[in-house]
PDB file of N, CA and C in Angstrom:
ATOM      1  N   UNK A   1     -10.537  -4.901 -15.867  1.00  0.00           N
ATOM      2  CA  UNK A   1     -10.057  -4.180 -14.689  1.00  0.00           C
ATOM      3  C   UNK A   1      -8.689  -3.523 -15.057  1.00  0.00           C
ATOM      4  N   UNK A   2      -8.585  -2.275 -14.744  1.00  0.00           N
ATOM      5  CA  UNK A   2      -7.312  -1.618 -15.032  1.00  0.00           C
ATOM      6  C   UNK A   2      -6.191  -1.993 -14.095  1.00  0.00           C
ATOM      7  N   UNK A   3      -4.963  -1.783 -14.500  1.00  0.00           N
ATOM      8  CA  UNK A   3      -3.821  -2.130 -13.670  1.00  0.00           C
ATOM      9  C   UNK A   3      -3.846  -1.310 -12.354  1.00  0.00           C
ATOM     10  N   UNK A   4      -4.271  -0.035 -12.480  1.00  0.00           N
ATOM     11  CA  UNK A   4      -4.285   0.832 -11.311  1.00  0.00           C
ATOM     12  C   UNK A   4      -5.231   0.302 -10.261  1.00  0.00           C
ATOM     13  N   UNK A   5      -6.392  -0.131 -10.701  1.00  0.00           N
ATOM     14  CA  UNK A   5      -7.424  -0.629  -9.742  1.00  0.00           C
ATOM     15  C   UNK A   5      -6.935  -1.934  -9.132  1.00  0.00           C
ATOM     16  N   UNK A   6      -6.301  -2.782  -9.902  1.00  0.00           N
ATOM     17  CA  UNK A   6      -5.725  -4.009  -9.384  1.00  0.00           C
ATOM     18  C   UNK A   6      -4.696  -3.733  -8.329  1.00  0.00           C
ATOM     19  N   UNK A   7      -3.776  -2.858  -8.587  1.00  0.00           N
ATOM     20  CA  UNK A   7      -2.733  -2.489  -7.599  1.00  0.00           C
ATOM     21  C   UNK A   7      -3.357  -1.947  -6.379  1.00  0.00           C
ATOM     22  N   UNK A   8      -4.279  -1.055  -6.478  1.00  0.00           N
ATOM     23  CA  UNK A   8      -4.976  -0.524  -5.282  1.00  0.00           C
ATOM     24  C   UNK A   8      -5.695  -1.578  -4.532  1.00  0.00           C
ATOM     25  N   UNK A   9      -6.319  -2.475  -5.198  1.00  0.00           N
ATOM     26  CA  UNK A   9      -7.006  -3.575  -4.506  1.00  0.00           C
ATOM     27  C   UNK A   9      -6.116  -4.465  -3.737  1.00  0.00           C
ATOM     28  N   UNK A  10      -4.972  -4.776  -4.351  1.00  0.00           N
ATOM     29  CA  UNK A  10      -3.931  -5.625  -3.656  1.00  0.00           C
ATOM     30  C   UNK A  10      -3.396  -4.943  -2.492  1.00  0.00           C
ATOM     31  N   UNK A  11      -2.960  -3.674  -2.685  1.00  0.00           N
ATOM     32  CA  UNK A  11      -2.358  -2.891  -1.595  1.00  0.00           C
ATOM     33  C   UNK A  11      -3.361  -2.708  -0.446  1.00  0.00           C
ATOM     34  N   UNK A  12      -4.609  -2.480  -0.811  1.00  0.00           N
ATOM     35  CA  UNK A  12      -5.697  -2.314   0.233  1.00  0.00           C
ATOM     36  C   UNK A  12      -5.832  -3.557   1.034  1.00  0.00           C
ATOM     37  N   UNK A  13      -5.811  -4.712   0.395  1.00  0.00           N
ATOM     38  CA  UNK A  13      -5.907  -5.990   1.060  1.00  0.00           C
ATOM     39  C   UNK A  13      -4.692  -6.286   1.985  1.00  0.00           C
ATOM     40  N   UNK A  14      -3.551  -5.913   1.454  1.00  0.00           N
ATOM     41  CA  UNK A  14      -2.362  -6.133   2.328  1.00  0.00           C
ATOM     42  C   UNK A  14      -2.422  -5.194   3.513  1.00  0.00           C
ATOM     43  N   UNK A  15      -2.813  -3.953   3.357  1.00  0.00           N
ATOM     44  CA  UNK A  15      -2.922  -2.994   4.445  1.00  0.00           C
ATOM     45  C   UNK A  15      -3.950  -3.506   5.487  1.00  0.00           C
ATOM     46  N   UNK A  16      -5.177  -3.934   5.031  1.00  0.00           N
ATOM     47  CA  UNK A  16      -6.170  -4.414   5.894  1.00  0.00           C
ATOM     48  C   UNK A  16      -5.695  -5.615   6.678  1.00  0.00           C
ATOM     49  N   UNK A  17      -5.019  -6.513   5.991  1.00  0.00           N
ATOM     50  CA  UNK A  17      -4.425  -7.700   6.732  1.00  0.00           C
ATOM     51  C   UNK A  17      -3.430  -7.329   7.785  1.00  0.00           C
ATOM     52  N   UNK A  18      -2.590  -6.391   7.430  1.00  0.00           N
ATOM     53  CA  UNK A  18      -1.497  -5.903   8.388  1.00  0.00           C
ATOM     54  C   UNK A  18      -2.150  -5.252   9.608  1.00  0.00           C
ATOM     55  N   UNK A  19      -3.169  -4.432   9.368  1.00  0.00           N
ATOM     56  CA  UNK A  19      -3.776  -3.764  10.464  1.00  0.00           C
ATOM     57  C   UNK A  19      -4.504  -4.752  11.369  1.00  0.00           C
ATOM     58  N   UNK A  20      -5.243  -5.675  10.761  1.00  0.00           N
ATOM     59  CA  UNK A  20      -5.952  -6.675  11.556  1.00  0.00           C
ATOM     60  C   UNK A  20      -4.962  -7.559  12.369  1.00  0.00           C
ATOM     61  N   UNK A  21      -3.828  -7.878  11.709  1.00  0.00           N
ATOM     62  CA  UNK A  21      -2.815  -8.672  12.407  1.00  0.00           C
ATOM     63  C   UNK A  21      -2.277  -7.922  13.646  1.00  0.00           C
ATOM     64  N   UNK A  22      -2.021  -6.634  13.482  1.00  0.00           N
ATOM     65  CA  UNK A  22      -1.502  -5.872  14.555  1.00  0.00           C
ATOM     66  C   UNK A  22      -2.550  -5.718  15.678  1.00  0.00           C
ATOM     67  N   UNK A  23      -3.803  -5.512  15.300  1.00  0.00           N
ATOM     68  CA  UNK A  23      -4.874  -5.285  16.237  1.00  0.00           C
ATOM     69  C   UNK A  23      -5.133  -6.551  17.123  1.00  0.00           C
ATOM     70  N   UNK A  24      -4.902  -7.689  16.559  1.00  0.00           N
ATOM     71  CA  UNK A  24      -5.182  -8.932  17.333  1.00  0.00           C
ATOM     72  C   UNK A  24      -3.930  -9.448  17.984  1.00  0.00           C
ATOM     73  N   UNK A  25      -2.834  -8.804  17.837  1.00  0.00           N
ATOM     74  CA  UNK A  25      -1.574  -9.212  18.475  1.00  0.00           C
ATOM     75  C   UNK A  25      -1.699  -8.821  19.959  1.00  0.00           C
ATOM     76  N   UNK A  26      -1.104  -9.767  20.824  1.00  0.00           N
ATOM     77  CA  UNK A  26      -1.206  -9.502  22.243  1.00  0.00           C
ATOM     78  C   UNK A  26      -0.059  -8.526  22.732  1.00  0.00           C
ATOM     79  N   UNK A  27      -0.302  -7.234  22.470  1.00  0.00           N
ATOM     80  CA  UNK A  27       0.654  -6.223  22.965  1.00  0.00           C
ATOM     81  C   UNK A  27      -0.155  -5.115  23.581  1.00  0.00           C
ATOM     82  N   UNK A  28       0.574  -4.270  24.315  1.00  0.00           N
ATOM     83  CA  UNK A  28      -0.123  -3.088  24.981  1.00  0.00           C
ATOM     84  C   UNK A  28      -0.525  -2.106  23.912  1.00  0.00           C
ATOM     85  N   UNK A  29      -1.506  -1.267  24.262  1.00  0.00           N
ATOM     86  CA  UNK A  29      -2.087  -0.366  23.322  1.00  0.00           C
ATOM     87  C   UNK A  29      -1.192   0.633  22.695  1.00  0.00           C
ATOM     88  N   UNK A  30      -0.209   1.164  23.454  1.00  0.00           N
ATOM     89  CA  UNK A  30       0.709   2.174  22.921  1.00  0.00           C
ATOM     90  C   UNK A  30       1.574   1.539  21.797  1.00  0.00           C
ATOM     91  N   UNK A  31       2.060   0.375  21.995  1.00  0.00           N
ATOM     92  CA  UNK A  31       2.841  -0.343  20.962  1.00  0.00           C
ATOM     93  C   UNK A  31       1.974  -0.676  19.739  1.00  0.00           C
ATOM     94  N   UNK A  32       0.764  -1.088  20.013  1.00  0.00           N
ATOM     95  CA  UNK A  32      -0.161  -1.396  18.893  1.00  0.00           C
ATOM     96  C   UNK A  32      -0.431  -0.160  18.040  1.00  0.00           C
ATOM     97  N   UNK A  33      -0.800   0.934  18.716  1.00  0.00           N
ATOM     98  CA  UNK A  33      -1.029   2.182  17.973  1.00  0.00           C
ATOM     99  C   UNK A  33       0.160   2.677  17.173  1.00  0.00           C
ATOM    100  N   UNK A  34       1.371   2.504  17.750  1.00  0.00           N
ATOM    101  CA  UNK A  34       2.564   2.867  16.996  1.00  0.00           C
ATOM    102  C   UNK A  34       2.773   1.922  15.825  1.00  0.00           C
ATOM    103  N   UNK A  35       2.554   0.690  15.986  1.00  0.00           N
ATOM    104  CA  UNK A  35       2.681  -0.207  14.816  1.00  0.00           C
ATOM    105  C   UNK A  35       1.645   0.089  13.712  1.00  0.00           C
ATOM    106  N   UNK A  36       0.458   0.421  14.140  1.00  0.00           N
ATOM    107  CA  UNK A  36      -0.587   0.810  13.104  1.00  0.00           C
ATOM    108  C   UNK A  36      -0.140   2.054  12.390  1.00  0.00           C
ATOM    109  N   UNK A  37       0.322   3.023  13.127  1.00  0.00           N
ATOM    110  CA  UNK A  37       0.798   4.293  12.481  1.00  0.00           C
ATOM    111  C   UNK A  37       1.973   4.003  11.552  1.00  0.00           C
ATOM    112  N   UNK A  38       2.893   3.185  11.994  1.00  0.00           N
ATOM    113  CA  UNK A  38       4.043   2.831  11.143  1.00  0.00           C
ATOM    114  C   UNK A  38       3.615   2.129   9.890  1.00  0.00           C
ATOM    115  N   UNK A  39       2.698   1.119  10.042  1.00  0.00           N
ATOM    116  CA  UNK A  39       2.171   0.406   8.835  1.00  0.00           C
ATOM    117  C   UNK A  39       1.437   1.373   7.910  1.00  0.00           C
ATOM    118  N   UNK A  40       0.713   2.241   8.476  1.00  0.00           N
ATOM    119  CA  UNK A  40      -0.015   3.255   7.676  1.00  0.00           C
ATOM    120  C   UNK A  40       0.913   4.106   6.858  1.00  0.00           C
ATOM    121  N   UNK A  41       2.020   4.557   7.501  1.00  0.00           N
ATOM    122  CA  UNK A  41       2.990   5.403   6.809  1.00  0.00           C
ATOM    123  C   UNK A  41       3.709   4.600   5.731  1.00  0.00           C
ATOM    124  N   UNK A  42       4.026   3.322   6.055  1.00  0.00           N
ATOM    125  CA  UNK A  42       4.655   2.462   5.045  1.00  0.00           C
ATOM    126  C   UNK A  42       3.710   2.267   3.861  1.00  0.00           C
ATOM    127  N   UNK A  43       2.455   2.054   4.104  1.00  0.00           N
ATOM    128  CA  UNK A  43       1.417   1.802   3.080  1.00  0.00           C
ATOM    129  C   UNK A  43       1.305   3.061   2.257  1.00  0.00           C
ATOM    130  N   UNK A  44       1.243   4.260   2.870  1.00  0.00           N
ATOM    131  CA  UNK A  44       1.124   5.478   2.139  1.00  0.00           C
ATOM    132  C   UNK A  44       2.356   5.709   1.270  1.00  0.00           C
ATOM    133  N   UNK A  45       3.513   5.410   1.746  1.00  0.00           N
ATOM    134  CA  UNK A  45       4.724   5.508   0.934  1.00  0.00           C
ATOM    135  C   UNK A  45       4.696   4.596  -0.287  1.00  0.00           C
ATOM    136  N   UNK A  46       4.238   3.352  -0.062  1.00  0.00           N
ATOM    137  CA  UNK A  46       4.128   2.395  -1.166  1.00  0.00           C
ATOM    138  C   UNK A  46       3.217   2.864  -2.218  1.00  0.00           C
ATOM    139  N   UNK A  47       2.029   3.350  -1.783  1.00  0.00           N
ATOM    140  CA  UNK A  47       1.028   3.878  -2.735  1.00  0.00           C
ATOM    141  C   UNK A  47       1.601   5.079  -3.515  1.00  0.00           C
ATOM    142  N   UNK A  48       2.254   5.976  -2.806  1.00  0.00           N
ATOM    143  CA  UNK A  48       2.777   7.113  -3.422  1.00  0.00           C
ATOM    144  C   UNK A  48       3.817   6.655  -4.557  1.00  0.00           C
ATOM    145  N   UNK A  49       4.647   5.709  -4.153  1.00  0.00           N
ATOM    146  CA  UNK A  49       5.622   5.169  -5.166  1.00  0.00           C
ATOM    147  C   UNK A  49       4.952   4.547  -6.354  1.00  0.00           C
ATOM    148  N   UNK A  50       3.921   3.789  -6.099  1.00  0.00           N
ATOM    149  CA  UNK A  50       3.183   3.136  -7.167  1.00  0.00           C
ATOM    150  C   UNK A  50       2.561   4.164  -8.123  1.00  0.00           C
ATOM    151  N   UNK A  51       1.980   5.213  -7.541  1.00  0.00           N
ATOM    152  CA  UNK A  51       1.333   6.240  -8.361  1.00  0.00           C
ATOM    153  C   UNK A  51       2.324   7.059  -9.175  1.00  0.00           C
ATOM    154  N   UNK A  52       3.503   7.279  -8.526  1.00  0.00           N
ATOM    155  CA  UNK A  52       4.560   7.992  -9.214  1.00  0.00           C
ATOM    156  C   UNK A  52       5.066   7.137 -10.454  1.00  0.00           C
ATOM    157  N   UNK A  53       5.192   5.838 -10.201  1.00  0.00           N
ATOM    158  CA  UNK A  53       5.617   4.930 -11.299  1.00  0.00           C
ATOM    159  C   UNK A  53       4.536   4.931 -12.380  1.00  0.00           C
ATOM    160  N   UNK A  54       3.304   4.854 -11.965  1.00  0.00           N
ATOM    161  CA  UNK A  54       2.149   4.842 -12.907  1.00  0.00           C
ATOM    162  C   UNK A  54       2.123   6.123 -13.761  1.00  0.00           C
ATOM    163  N   UNK A  55       2.330   7.269 -13.022  1.00  0.00           N
ATOM    164  CA  UNK A  55       2.299   8.556 -13.708  1.00  0.00           C
ATOM    165  C   UNK A  55       3.442   8.689 -14.770  1.00  0.00           C
ATOM    166  N   UNK A  56       4.620   8.180 -14.386  1.00  0.00           N
ATOM    167  CA  UNK A  56       5.819   8.210 -15.320  1.00  0.00           C
ATOM    168  C   UNK A  56       5.486   7.371 -16.493  1.00  0.00           C
ATOM    169  N   UNK A  57       4.936   6.204 -16.256  1.00  0.00           N
ATOM    170  CA  UNK A  57       4.599   5.277 -17.313  1.00  0.00           C
ATOM    171  C   UNK A  57       3.616   5.858 -18.291  1.00  0.00           C
ATOM    172  N   UNK A  58       2.567   6.527 -17.761  1.00  0.00           N
ATOM    173  CA  UNK A  58       1.526   7.181 -18.637  1.00  0.00           C
ATOM    174  C   UNK A  58       2.151   8.277 -19.372  1.00  0.00           C
ATOM    175  N   UNK A  59       2.948   9.099 -18.728  1.00  0.00           N
ATOM    176  CA  UNK A  59       3.633  10.235 -19.310  1.00  0.00           C
ATOM    177  C   UNK A  59       4.458   9.760 -20.467  1.00  0.00           C
ATOM    178  N   UNK A  60       5.264   8.694 -20.320  1.00  0.00           N
ATOM    179  CA  UNK A  60       6.103   8.116 -21.378  1.00  0.00           C
ATOM    180  C   UNK A  60       5.277   7.692 -22.564  1.00  0.00           C
ATOM    181  N   UNK A  61       4.145   6.980 -22.237  1.00  0.00           N
ATOM    182  CA  UNK A  61       3.269   6.536 -23.346  1.00  0.00           C
ATOM    183  C   UNK A  61       2.689   7.719 -24.116  1.00  0.00           C
ATOM    184  N   UNK A  62       2.295   8.714 -23.358  1.00  0.00           N
ATOM    185  CA  UNK A  62       1.731   9.952 -23.969  1.00  0.00           C
ATOM    186  C   UNK A  62       2.774  10.576 -24.908  1.00  0.00           C
ATOM    187  N   UNK A  63       4.026  10.711 -24.434  1.00  0.00           N
ATOM    188  CA  UNK A  63       5.009  11.302 -25.277  1.00  0.00           C
ATOM    189  C   UNK A  63       5.336  10.404 -26.483  1.00  0.00           C
ATOM    190  N   UNK A  64       5.332   9.150 -26.389  1.00  0.00           N
ATOM    191  CA  UNK A  64       5.498   8.169 -27.482  1.00  0.00           C
ATOM    192  C   UNK A  64       4.372   8.365 -28.529  1.00  0.00           C
ATOM    193  N   UNK A  65       3.132   8.420 -28.014  1.00  0.00           N
ATOM    194  CA  UNK A  65       1.972   8.537 -28.949  1.00  0.00           C
ATOM    195  C   UNK A  65       2.021   9.929 -29.649  1.00  0.00           C
ATOM    196  N   UNK A  66       2.441  10.921 -28.924  1.00  0.00           N
ATOM    197  CA  UNK A  66       2.541  12.249 -29.544  1.00  0.00           C
ATOM    198  C   UNK A  66       3.582  12.275 -30.653  1.00  0.00           C
ATOM    199  N   UNK A  67       4.690  11.661 -30.362  1.00  0.00           N
ATOM    200  CA  UNK A  67       5.770  11.590 -31.414  1.00  0.00           C
ATOM    201  C   UNK A  67       5.319  10.744 -32.605  1.00  0.00           C
ATOM    202  N   UNK A  68       4.666   9.626 -32.364  1.00  0.00           N
ATOM    203  CA  UNK A  68       4.167   8.767 -33.447  1.00  0.00           C
ATOM    204  C   UNK A  68       3.176   9.540 -34.289  1.00  0.00           C
ATOM    205  N   UNK A  69       2.318  10.346 -33.620  1.00  0.00           N
ATOM    206  CA  UNK A  69       1.320  11.074 -34.347  1.00  0.00           C
ATOM    207  C   UNK A  69       2.005  12.185 -35.232  1.00  0.00           C
ATOM    208  N   UNK A  70       3.019  12.847 -34.658  1.00  0.00           N
ATOM    209  CA  UNK A  70       3.759  13.821 -35.482  1.00  0.00           C
ATOM    210  C   UNK A  70       4.464  13.176 -36.624  1.00  0.00           C
ATOM    211  N   UNK A  71       5.017  12.013 -36.404  1.00  0.00           N
ATOM    212  CA  UNK A  71       5.673  11.281 -37.493  1.00  0.00           C
ATOM    213  C   UNK A  71       4.735  10.886 -38.581  1.00  0.00           C
ATOM    214  N   UNK A  72       3.572  10.396 -38.213  1.00  0.00           N
ATOM    215  CA  UNK A  72       2.509  10.062 -39.185  1.00  0.00           C
ATOM    216  C   UNK A  72       2.089  11.285 -39.998  1.00  0.00           C
ATOM    217  N   UNK A  73       1.877  12.400 -39.306  1.00  0.00           N
ATOM    218  CA  UNK A  73       1.482  13.622 -39.973  1.00  0.00           C
ATOM    219  C   UNK A  73       2.555  14.109 -40.917  1.00  0.00           C
ATOM    220  N   UNK A  74       3.819  13.985 -40.503  1.00  0.00           N
ATOM    221  CA  UNK A  74       4.918  14.396 -41.410  1.00  0.00           C
ATOM    222  C   UNK A  74       5.011  13.474 -42.638  1.00  0.00           C
ATOM    223  N   UNK A  75       4.808  12.229 -42.459  1.00  0.00           N
ATOM    224  CA  UNK A  75       4.887  11.268 -43.563  1.00  0.00           C
ATOM    225  C   UNK A  75       3.728  11.435 -44.569  1.00  0.00           C
ATOM    226  N   UNK A  76       2.533  11.918 -44.076  1.00  0.00           N
ATOM    227  CA  UNK A  76       1.403  12.074 -44.920  1.00  0.00           C
ATOM    228  C   UNK A  76       1.616  13.261 -45.870  1.00  0.00           C
ATOM    229  N   UNK A  77       2.402  14.197 -45.508  1.00  0.00           N
ATOM    230  CA  UNK A  77       2.613  15.433 -46.325  1.00  0.00           C
ATOM    231  C   UNK A  77       3.358  15.195 -47.566  1.00  0.00           C
TER     232      UNK A  77
END
């Protein structure tokens, strides 16, 4: 299982648990809907941050591999 899928699975489980917790809380509907919207926005922000970190990590590895490949090609000559 890739790290990305693991992170998405964990975040999905946390979001589902938070939504269910809010839905079963004894509050009026307007407050409950606001809490769900807030949690959804928080979750979306977390996912965006995780994907940005993942993208930067992949980009750095790509640059490192490209440089290593160039170094190997230069050393072969």
